[in-house]
Protein backbone atom coordinates (compact mmCIF):
# COMPACT_ATOMS: atom_id res chain seq x y z
CA MET A 1 0.00 0.00 0.00
CA THR A 2 1.25 3.46 -0.84
CA GLN A 3 1.48 5.48 2.35
CA ASP A 4 0.08 9.01 2.21
CA THR A 5 0.75 11.14 5.27
CA THR A 6 -0.12 14.52 3.76
CA PHE A 7 -3.73 15.03 4.75
CA HIS A 8 -6.20 17.53 3.30
CA HIS A 9 -7.36 20.21 5.70
CA GLY A 10 -9.17 22.88 3.77
CA ASP A 11 -12.10 24.97 4.93
CA PRO A 12 -14.13 22.57 7.11
CA GLN A 13 -17.22 23.16 4.97
CA ARG A 14 -18.49 25.93 7.25
CA GLU A 15 -20.89 27.14 4.55
CA ALA A 16 -22.12 23.67 3.56
CA LYS A 17 -25.36 22.37 4.99
CA PRO A 18 -24.97 19.28 7.19
CA ILE A 19 -25.84 15.93 5.72
CA ILE A 20 -27.00 14.66 9.10
CA GLN A 21 -27.84 16.56 12.25
CA MET A 22 -28.41 15.08 15.69
CA LYS A 23 -30.26 17.65 17.81
CA ASN A 24 -30.43 17.39 21.61
CA ILE A 25 -30.32 13.61 21.57
CA GLU A 26 -31.20 11.80 24.77
CA LYS A 27 -31.08 8.06 25.24
CA HIS A 28 -32.42 6.37 28.36
CA PHE A 29 -32.07 2.72 29.30
CA GLY A 30 -34.57 2.44 32.11
CA ASN A 31 -33.34 4.80 34.82
CA ILE A 32 -29.90 5.11 33.23
CA ILE A 33 -29.34 8.21 31.09
CA ALA A 34 -26.71 7.26 28.52
CA LEU A 35 -27.00 10.46 26.48
CA ALA A 36 -28.17 13.76 27.92
CA GLY A 37 -28.90 16.26 25.15
CA VAL A 38 -26.06 15.67 22.69
CA SER A 39 -25.97 17.65 19.43
CA PHE A 40 -23.71 16.78 16.52
CA ASP A 41 -23.65 17.27 12.76
CA VAL A 42 -21.57 16.17 9.77
CA ARG A 43 -21.00 18.13 6.58
CA PRO A 44 -19.91 16.92 3.13
CA GLY A 45 -16.18 16.37 2.80
CA GLU A 46 -15.28 16.87 6.45
CA CYS A 47 -14.03 14.62 9.21
CA HIS A 48 -15.84 15.36 12.45
CA CYS A 49 -14.15 13.54 15.33
CA LEU A 50 -16.16 12.33 18.30
CA LEU A 51 -13.79 12.00 21.24
CA GLY A 52 -14.20 10.61 24.70
CA ASP A 53 -12.83 8.11 27.14
CA ASN A 54 -14.40 4.71 27.83
CA GLY A 55 -17.91 5.19 29.16
CA ALA A 56 -18.29 8.65 27.67
CA GLY A 57 -21.30 7.61 25.57
CA LYS A 58 -19.61 7.31 22.17
CA SER A 59 -20.92 3.83 21.41
CA THR A 60 -24.49 4.69 22.38
CA PHE A 61 -24.36 7.83 20.27
CA ILE A 62 -23.12 6.16 17.10
CA LYS A 63 -25.63 3.34 17.52
CA THR A 64 -28.35 5.99 17.71
CA MET A 65 -26.97 7.74 14.64
CA SER A 66 -26.84 4.45 12.72
CA GLY A 67 -30.32 3.22 13.62
CA VAL A 68 -29.39 0.50 16.14
CA HIS A 69 -31.00 2.52 18.94
CA GLN A 70 -33.87 4.97 18.70
CA PRO A 71 -33.47 8.21 20.68
CA THR A 72 -35.62 8.73 23.74
CA LYS A 73 -35.72 12.44 22.95
CA GLY A 74 -34.30 14.70 20.28
CA GLU A 75 -34.37 14.87 16.50
CA ILE A 76 -32.37 13.43 13.62
CA THR A 77 -32.46 15.20 10.27
CA ILE A 78 -31.01 14.29 6.86
CA ASP A 79 -30.54 17.26 4.52
CA GLY A 80 -32.74 19.22 6.91
CA LYS A 81 -35.63 16.73 6.82
CA PRO A 82 -36.66 14.88 10.02
CA MET A 83 -35.87 11.16 9.94
CA ASN A 84 -36.91 8.26 12.14
CA PHE A 85 -34.47 5.37 11.88
CA THR A 86 -36.14 2.20 13.14
CA SER A 87 -33.26 -0.05 12.07
CA PRO A 88 -29.71 0.06 10.66
CA ARG A 89 -31.23 -0.62 7.23
CA ASP A 90 -33.14 2.67 7.44
CA ALA A 91 -29.89 4.48 8.15
CA MET A 92 -28.08 2.72 5.31
CA GLU A 93 -30.82 3.64 2.86
CA ALA A 94 -30.32 7.26 3.93
CA GLY A 95 -26.59 6.93 3.21
CA ILE A 96 -25.39 6.49 6.81
CA ALA A 97 -22.89 3.61 6.96
CA THR A 98 -21.02 2.34 10.01
CA VAL A 99 -17.76 0.41 10.16
CA PHE A 100 -17.66 -1.21 13.59
CA GLN A 101 -14.53 -2.56 15.22
CA ASP A 102 -15.35 -6.20 14.39
CA LEU A 103 -15.64 -5.30 10.65
CA ALA A 104 -18.17 -8.12 10.00
CA MET A 105 -15.84 -10.03 7.66
CA ILE A 106 -15.06 -13.72 7.20
CA PRO A 107 -11.24 -14.17 7.14
CA LEU A 108 -11.19 -17.29 4.94
CA MET A 109 -13.38 -15.71 2.27
CA SER A 110 -11.93 -13.71 -0.60
CA VAL A 111 -11.84 -9.93 -0.68
CA THR A 112 -14.49 -9.99 -3.42
CA ARG A 113 -16.91 -12.18 -1.47
CA ASN A 114 -16.48 -10.04 1.64
CA PHE A 115 -16.90 -6.88 -0.43
CA PHE A 116 -20.30 -7.93 -1.78
CA MET A 117 -21.51 -10.18 1.04
CA GLY A 118 -25.01 -9.27 2.20
CA ARG A 119 -25.06 -6.02 0.29
CA GLU A 120 -27.99 -4.58 -1.61
CA PRO A 121 -27.87 -1.78 -4.16
CA VAL A 122 -27.93 1.77 -2.79
CA LYS A 123 -28.27 4.89 -4.91
CA GLY A 124 -28.02 3.23 -8.30
CA ARG A 125 -25.64 0.37 -7.48
CA ARG A 126 -27.17 -2.65 -9.18
CA PRO A 127 -26.86 -6.14 -7.70
CA PHE A 128 -24.68 -8.60 -9.63
CA ARG A 129 -26.09 -11.87 -10.89
CA ARG A 130 -24.21 -15.11 -10.24
CA MET A 131 -22.81 -14.96 -13.77
CA ASP A 132 -21.26 -11.56 -13.03
CA VAL A 133 -18.39 -12.93 -10.95
CA GLU A 134 -15.83 -11.43 -13.32
CA LYS A 135 -17.41 -8.00 -12.96
CA MET A 136 -17.53 -8.37 -9.18
CA ASN A 137 -13.84 -9.25 -9.13
CA GLU A 138 -12.97 -6.27 -11.30
CA THR A 139 -15.01 -3.97 -9.09
CA ALA A 140 -13.44 -5.16 -5.84
CA VAL A 141 -9.90 -4.83 -7.19
CA GLU A 142 -10.59 -1.37 -8.65
CA GLU A 143 -12.28 -0.02 -5.53
CA MET A 144 -9.38 -1.21 -3.40
CA ARG A 145 -6.92 0.36 -5.82
CA LYS A 146 -8.71 3.68 -5.42
CA MET A 147 -8.04 3.40 -1.70
CA GLY A 148 -4.34 2.76 -2.26
CA ILE A 149 -4.24 -1.03 -1.93
CA ASN A 150 -3.09 -3.27 -4.78
CA LEU A 151 -4.39 -6.77 -4.16
CA ARG A 152 -2.56 -9.87 -5.36
CA GLY A 153 -5.90 -10.79 -6.88
CA PRO A 154 -9.64 -10.75 -6.09
CA ASP A 155 -9.39 -14.27 -4.64
CA GLN A 156 -6.95 -13.14 -1.95
CA ALA A 157 -8.38 -14.09 1.43
CA VAL A 158 -9.26 -11.20 3.72
CA GLY A 159 -7.43 -12.99 6.53
CA THR A 160 -4.12 -12.47 4.73
CA LEU A 161 -4.52 -8.68 4.84
CA SER A 162 -3.19 -6.53 7.65
CA GLY A 163 -5.58 -4.98 10.15
CA GLY A 164 -5.31 -1.62 8.41
CA GLU A 165 -6.00 -3.17 5.02
CA ARG A 166 -9.09 -4.94 6.36
CA GLN A 167 -10.31 -1.60 7.68
CA THR A 168 -9.79 -0.20 4.19
CA VAL A 169 -11.84 -3.03 2.64
CA ALA A 170 -14.71 -2.18 4.98
CA ILE A 171 -14.43 1.54 4.20
CA ALA A 172 -14.22 0.98 0.43
CA ARG A 173 -17.25 -1.32 0.59
CA ALA A 174 -19.32 1.26 2.46
CA VAL A 175 -18.39 4.08 0.08
CA TYR A 176 -19.05 1.96 -3.03
CA PHE A 177 -22.53 1.11 -1.78
CA GLY A 178 -23.54 4.72 -1.39
CA ALA A 179 -22.35 6.02 1.98
CA ARG A 180 -22.78 9.78 2.31
CA VAL A 181 -21.75 9.69 5.96
CA LEU A 182 -19.21 7.12 7.10
CA ILE A 183 -19.07 6.35 10.83
CA LEU A 184 -15.79 4.76 11.90
CA ASP A 185 -15.81 3.16 15.35
CA GLU A 186 -12.28 3.34 16.82
CA PRO A 187 -10.68 2.26 13.50
CA THR A 188 -7.10 2.72 14.75
CA SER A 189 -7.44 1.39 18.29
CA ALA A 190 -5.78 -1.99 17.66
CA LEU A 191 -3.32 -0.99 14.92
CA GLY A 192 0.39 -0.32 14.82
CA VAL A 193 1.93 2.93 13.65
CA ARG A 194 2.22 2.04 9.95
CA GLN A 195 -1.25 0.51 9.73
CA THR A 196 -2.71 3.51 11.54
CA SER A 197 -1.09 5.83 8.98
CA ASN A 198 -2.65 3.80 6.18
CA VAL A 199 -6.13 4.00 7.70
CA LEU A 200 -5.81 7.75 8.26
CA ALA A 201 -4.75 8.12 4.62
CA THR A 202 -7.86 6.16 3.58
CA ILE A 203 -10.05 8.51 5.64
CA ASP A 204 -8.43 11.43 3.84
CA ARG A 205 -9.17 9.89 0.44
CA VAL A 206 -12.81 9.32 1.38
CA ARG A 207 -13.21 12.87 2.62
CA LYS A 208 -11.83 14.23 -0.65
CA GLN A 209 -14.67 12.37 -2.41
CA GLY A 210 -17.18 14.49 -0.51
CA VAL A 211 -18.17 11.87 2.05
CA GLY A 212 -18.71 13.12 5.59
CA VAL A 213 -16.67 11.10 8.09
CA VAL A 214 -17.45 10.58 11.77
CA PHE A 215 -14.22 9.42 13.38
CA ILE A 216 -14.83 7.89 16.83
CA SER A 217 -11.69 7.75 18.93
CA HIS A 218 -10.11 8.21 22.33
CA ASN A 219 -6.75 9.01 20.70
CA VAL A 220 -6.25 12.75 20.32
CA ARG A 221 -3.18 12.41 18.09
CA HIS A 222 -5.01 10.26 15.56
CA ALA A 223 -8.00 12.62 15.57
CA LEU A 224 -5.82 15.69 15.04
CA ALA A 225 -4.16 14.05 12.03
CA VAL A 226 -7.35 14.06 9.96
CA GLY A 227 -10.02 15.95 11.89
CA ASP A 228 -11.68 19.19 10.81
CA ARG A 229 -13.91 19.48 13.87
CA PHE A 230 -13.77 17.84 17.28
CA THR A 231 -16.62 17.15 19.69
CA VAL A 232 -15.83 15.80 23.15
CA LEU A 233 -18.23 13.62 25.12
CA ASN A 234 -18.07 12.97 28.85
CA ARG A 235 -20.65 10.89 30.73
CA GLY A 236 -23.23 11.31 27.99
CA GLN A 237 -22.86 15.07 27.65
CA THR A 238 -21.11 17.31 25.13
CA LEU A 239 -18.22 19.23 26.67
CA GLY A 240 -17.73 21.30 23.53
CA THR A 241 -17.01 21.37 19.81
CA ALA A 242 -13.89 22.98 18.33
CA THR A 243 -12.72 23.61 14.79
CA ARG A 244 -9.23 22.67 13.67
CA GLY A 245 -6.88 25.56 14.37
CA ASP A 246 -9.07 26.91 17.19
CA ILE A 247 -7.81 24.48 19.82
CA THR A 248 -4.36 23.15 20.68
CA PRO A 249 -3.58 19.45 21.14
CA GLU A 250 -2.97 20.14 24.82
CA GLU A 251 -6.33 21.87 25.23
CA LEU A 252 -8.14 19.05 23.43
CA GLN A 253 -6.39 16.40 25.51
CA ASP A 254 -7.16 18.34 28.68
CA LEU A 255 -10.83 18.69 27.74
CA MET A 256 -11.11 15.01 26.96
CA ALA A 257 -9.30 13.92 30.13
CA GLY A 258 -11.43 15.98 32.46
CA GLY A 259 -9.43 19.18 32.75
CA GLN A 260 -9.03 20.01 36.43
CA GLU A 261 -9.17 16.36 37.48
CA LEU A 262 -6.14 15.57 35.32
CA ALA A 263 -4.23 18.62 36.55
CA GLN A 264 -4.79 17.60 40.17
CA LEU A 265 -3.69 14.04 39.44
CA GLU A 266 -0.58 15.24 37.60
CA GLY A 267 0.33 17.41 40.58
CA SER A 268 -0.08 14.53 43.02
CA LEU A 269 2.12 12.33 40.84
CA GLU A 270 4.77 15.03 40.40
CA GLY A 271 4.11 15.65 36.70
CA THR A 272 4.34 12.02 35.53
CA VAL A 273 0.88 11.83 33.93
């Protein structure tokens, strides 16, 4: 894979209308309030990072955005029109695609079979008949090439790819099948430095195609590499949203880590945090 570490950071689409808006979203599980009035939006061609430590509410939020959960309160709009996602399929039909950490791939199957497995046409993508295997192979190889990966062949097993390359297969698959907003759930959490760079380069390629990217992470450095905007969650609430260039890495890390709590801990440990 050709490594690209020069990422695009133009105007974060401040004048563009959001593709999806989440307005004052609340999610209750019985007496537990998992989300308490969170607002978030994604614009075409931007990477909006959702940051927070474990237990911050990131997973609940993206599951609400992708139709797995329905909000208890609040509103979801697509292109300004109210939407009610009752299932992940509803979200996919609206162009909201999620790449979860488990990737939903079968390692012993070929890249082509994983690429098309269980997929239905979205926004003009026609399903292939059984006799169209050659076309399916060509499509899988070409779509991976666009993302910077040259396969040995379409029959190459997904299990022989690196973790970063498997992430790229999942991203390429989502984009090919019509994703307008791509939600990436901790895509770099289990990767080494080189594989992380490759995934971040893939995110940059996708953004340049006009897709809005939601990058879920607890790693500030990875978020800063590709992010245009940054929203921090803590215990189900939004601590703030900042635009690239308006916040320093130290300020973002401090906000994510709890600010005063971290400063007190660092003092008690003589600056070793």
